[in-house]
Amino acid sequence: MIYSNENRGIIQNRERARQIIDFSGIRYGNITPTDIDGFFEKANKAFVFYEYKLSGNDMPGGQRIALERLVNAIKDANHEAALFLCVHNHQNPQEDVNAAQATVERIFWNGKWWKGHGLTVKEQTDKFMSFVESVGDETEE
C-alpha cells in the first residue's frame, strides 16, 4: 500500500488491524507489554498518546503506570507530552470508533491527571497543540 495525504489515518488493511498480537510470552514477573491506541509527535516538541476505552472502563494499573512514566520521561527531556484517556459508547466491537469524536475523559500532563471537560479528542488535541505552539513562541523570543 502506498501512503498518501488522501489515505493518511485510514486503516489500510482491516484484516491485519483485527489480528491480535499476543504478548503473553513476553513476561517479567507480573509485567507484560501494553499497547498504545494512538500516538503522534510533532517537530520534536509535542508528543501525544491516546488510550481509548469503552465508557465506564478504565486503564489497567500497569498500563496506566507505564504510560504515565513515558509521558513524564518525555517531559523530563524538555518536551511537551500528554496522555489522553478517551472514551466512546460503541458497544458493538464490529463498529468503527471515530477517534476524533470520542470524548477525552482525563488527561495526564505535567505529572498529574486533569479532567477532560467534555471536549472531543480533536478539540482537546487542538487545544494542546495551541498550547505547545504558544510555549514555543515564548521560548524563541
Protein backbone atom coordinates (compact mmCIF):
# COMPACT_ATOMS: atom_id res chain seq x y z
CA MET A 1 0.00 0.00 0.00
CA ILE A 2 1.31 3.43 -0.93
CA TYR A 3 0.64 6.02 1.77
CA SER A 4 -0.53 9.45 0.68
CA ASN A 5 -2.25 12.51 2.13
CA GLU A 6 -5.58 11.17 0.83
CA ASN A 7 -5.39 7.93 2.83
CA ARG A 8 -3.50 9.23 5.89
CA GLY A 9 -5.04 7.97 9.14
CA ILE A 10 -7.33 5.46 7.41
CA ILE A 11 -6.93 1.76 8.22
CA GLN A 12 -5.16 0.31 5.18
CA ASN A 13 -5.72 -3.38 5.89
CA ARG A 14 -8.73 -4.18 8.08
CA GLU A 15 -7.92 -7.89 8.31
CA ARG A 16 -4.44 -7.13 9.68
CA ALA A 17 -5.85 -4.48 12.02
CA ARG A 18 -8.12 -7.15 13.54
CA GLN A 19 -5.19 -9.51 14.08
CA ILE A 20 -4.44 -9.87 17.80
CA ILE A 21 -0.86 -9.53 18.98
CA ASP A 22 -0.41 -11.90 21.94
CA PHE A 23 2.16 -10.54 24.39
CA SER A 24 1.73 -13.31 26.98
CA GLY A 25 5.09 -14.86 26.09
CA ILE A 26 6.94 -11.66 26.96
CA ARG A 27 6.68 -11.66 30.72
CA TYR A 28 8.94 -10.43 33.51
CA GLY A 29 7.40 -11.31 36.85
CA ASN A 30 3.92 -9.83 36.65
CA ILE A 31 4.85 -7.33 33.90
CA THR A 32 3.84 -7.83 30.25
CA PRO A 33 3.89 -5.35 27.34
CA THR A 34 0.99 -2.98 26.84
CA ASP A 35 -0.37 -1.38 23.71
CA ILE A 36 -0.93 2.26 22.82
CA ASP A 37 -4.07 3.02 20.82
CA GLY A 38 -2.70 6.17 19.25
CA PHE A 39 0.39 8.31 19.22
CA PHE A 40 1.77 11.26 17.33
CA GLU A 41 4.74 13.53 17.53
CA LYS A 42 5.14 16.98 16.01
CA ALA A 43 8.51 18.62 15.35
CA ASN A 44 10.12 17.05 18.44
CA LYS A 45 8.02 19.50 20.51
CA ALA A 46 4.74 17.68 21.18
CA PHE A 47 4.16 14.02 21.96
CA VAL A 48 0.54 12.91 22.38
CA PHE A 49 -0.58 9.43 23.42
CA TYR A 50 -4.18 8.22 23.15
CA GLU A 51 -5.77 5.37 25.04
CA TYR A 52 -9.38 4.55 24.07
CA LYS A 53 -11.77 2.67 26.32
CA LEU A 54 -15.45 1.84 26.22
CA SER A 55 -17.22 4.29 28.53
CA GLY A 56 -17.15 3.02 32.12
CA ASN A 57 -13.86 1.16 31.69
CA ASP A 58 -10.52 2.40 32.96
CA MET A 59 -6.94 1.57 32.09
CA PRO A 60 -5.43 -1.39 33.91
CA GLY A 61 -2.99 -0.24 36.60
CA GLY A 62 0.15 -1.47 34.84
CA GLN A 63 -0.79 0.22 31.58
CA ARG A 64 -1.56 3.49 33.38
CA ILE A 65 1.76 3.45 35.25
CA ALA A 66 3.77 2.63 32.11
CA LEU A 67 2.16 5.41 30.08
CA GLU A 68 2.43 7.96 32.91
CA ARG A 69 6.14 7.17 33.22
CA LEU A 70 6.60 7.50 29.47
CA VAL A 71 4.93 10.94 29.44
CA ASN A 72 6.98 12.04 32.47
CA ALA A 73 10.23 10.86 30.84
CA ILE A 74 9.48 12.89 27.73
CA LYS A 75 8.65 15.94 29.85
CA ASP A 76 11.90 15.44 31.80
CA ALA A 77 13.70 15.67 28.45
CA ASN A 78 12.17 19.17 28.00
CA HIS A 79 9.43 18.24 25.51
CA GLU A 80 5.68 18.62 25.93
CA ALA A 81 3.85 15.32 26.32
CA ALA A 82 0.33 14.29 27.26
CA LEU A 83 -1.73 11.13 27.57
CA PHE A 84 -5.43 11.39 26.75
CA LEU A 85 -7.81 8.81 28.21
CA CYS A 86 -10.55 8.78 25.58
CA VAL A 87 -13.97 7.15 25.93
CA HIS A 88 -16.59 6.05 23.42
CA ASN A 89 -20.00 4.35 23.62
CA HIS A 90 -19.75 1.86 20.73
CA GLN A 91 -20.91 -1.38 22.37
CA ASN A 92 -20.61 -3.37 19.13
CA PRO A 93 -16.93 -4.30 18.61
CA GLN A 94 -17.60 -4.60 14.85
CA GLU A 95 -18.48 -0.89 14.74
CA ASP A 96 -15.73 1.60 13.94
CA VAL A 97 -14.95 4.24 16.56
CA ASN A 98 -14.42 7.75 15.20
CA ALA A 99 -11.26 8.64 17.15
CA ALA A 100 -11.70 12.40 16.69
CA GLN A 101 -15.28 12.41 18.03
CA ALA A 102 -14.65 10.32 21.15
CA THR A 103 -14.59 12.25 24.42
CA VAL A 104 -11.48 12.96 26.46
CA GLU A 105 -12.30 11.85 29.99
CA ARG A 106 -8.93 12.64 31.57
CA ILE A 107 -5.52 14.00 30.59
CA PHE A 108 -2.19 13.09 32.14
CA TRP A 109 0.09 16.10 31.77
CA ASN A 110 2.79 17.73 33.91
CA GLY A 111 2.85 14.81 36.32
CA LYS A 112 -0.85 14.66 37.21
CA TRP A 113 -4.31 13.81 35.91
CA TRP A 114 -6.73 16.55 34.80
CA LYS A 115 -10.43 16.40 33.87
CA GLY A 116 -11.26 16.36 30.17
CA HIS A 117 -14.19 18.82 30.47
CA GLY A 118 -16.27 17.02 27.83
CA LEU A 119 -14.14 18.01 24.84
CA THR A 120 -13.79 15.69 21.89
CA VAL A 121 -10.39 14.18 21.19
CA LYS A 122 -9.95 16.52 18.23
CA GLU A 123 -10.90 19.60 20.30
CA GLN A 124 -8.59 18.62 23.15
CA THR A 125 -5.73 17.82 20.76
CA ASP A 126 -6.19 21.20 19.06
CA LYS A 127 -6.13 22.90 22.46
CA PHE A 128 -2.96 21.06 23.49
CA MET A 129 -1.23 21.82 20.20
CA SER A 130 -2.13 25.53 20.51
CA PHE A 131 -0.59 25.48 23.97
CA VAL A 132 2.58 23.85 22.65
CA GLU A 133 2.82 26.43 19.86
CA SER A 134 2.40 29.30 22.35
CA VAL A 135 5.09 27.87 24.64
CA GLY A 136 7.40 27.60 21.64
CA ASP A 137 6.73 31.23 20.74
CA GLU A 138 7.62 32.39 24.27
CA THR A 139 10.91 30.48 24.39
CA GLU A 140 12.03 31.75 20.98
CA GLU A 141 11.84 35.46 21.95
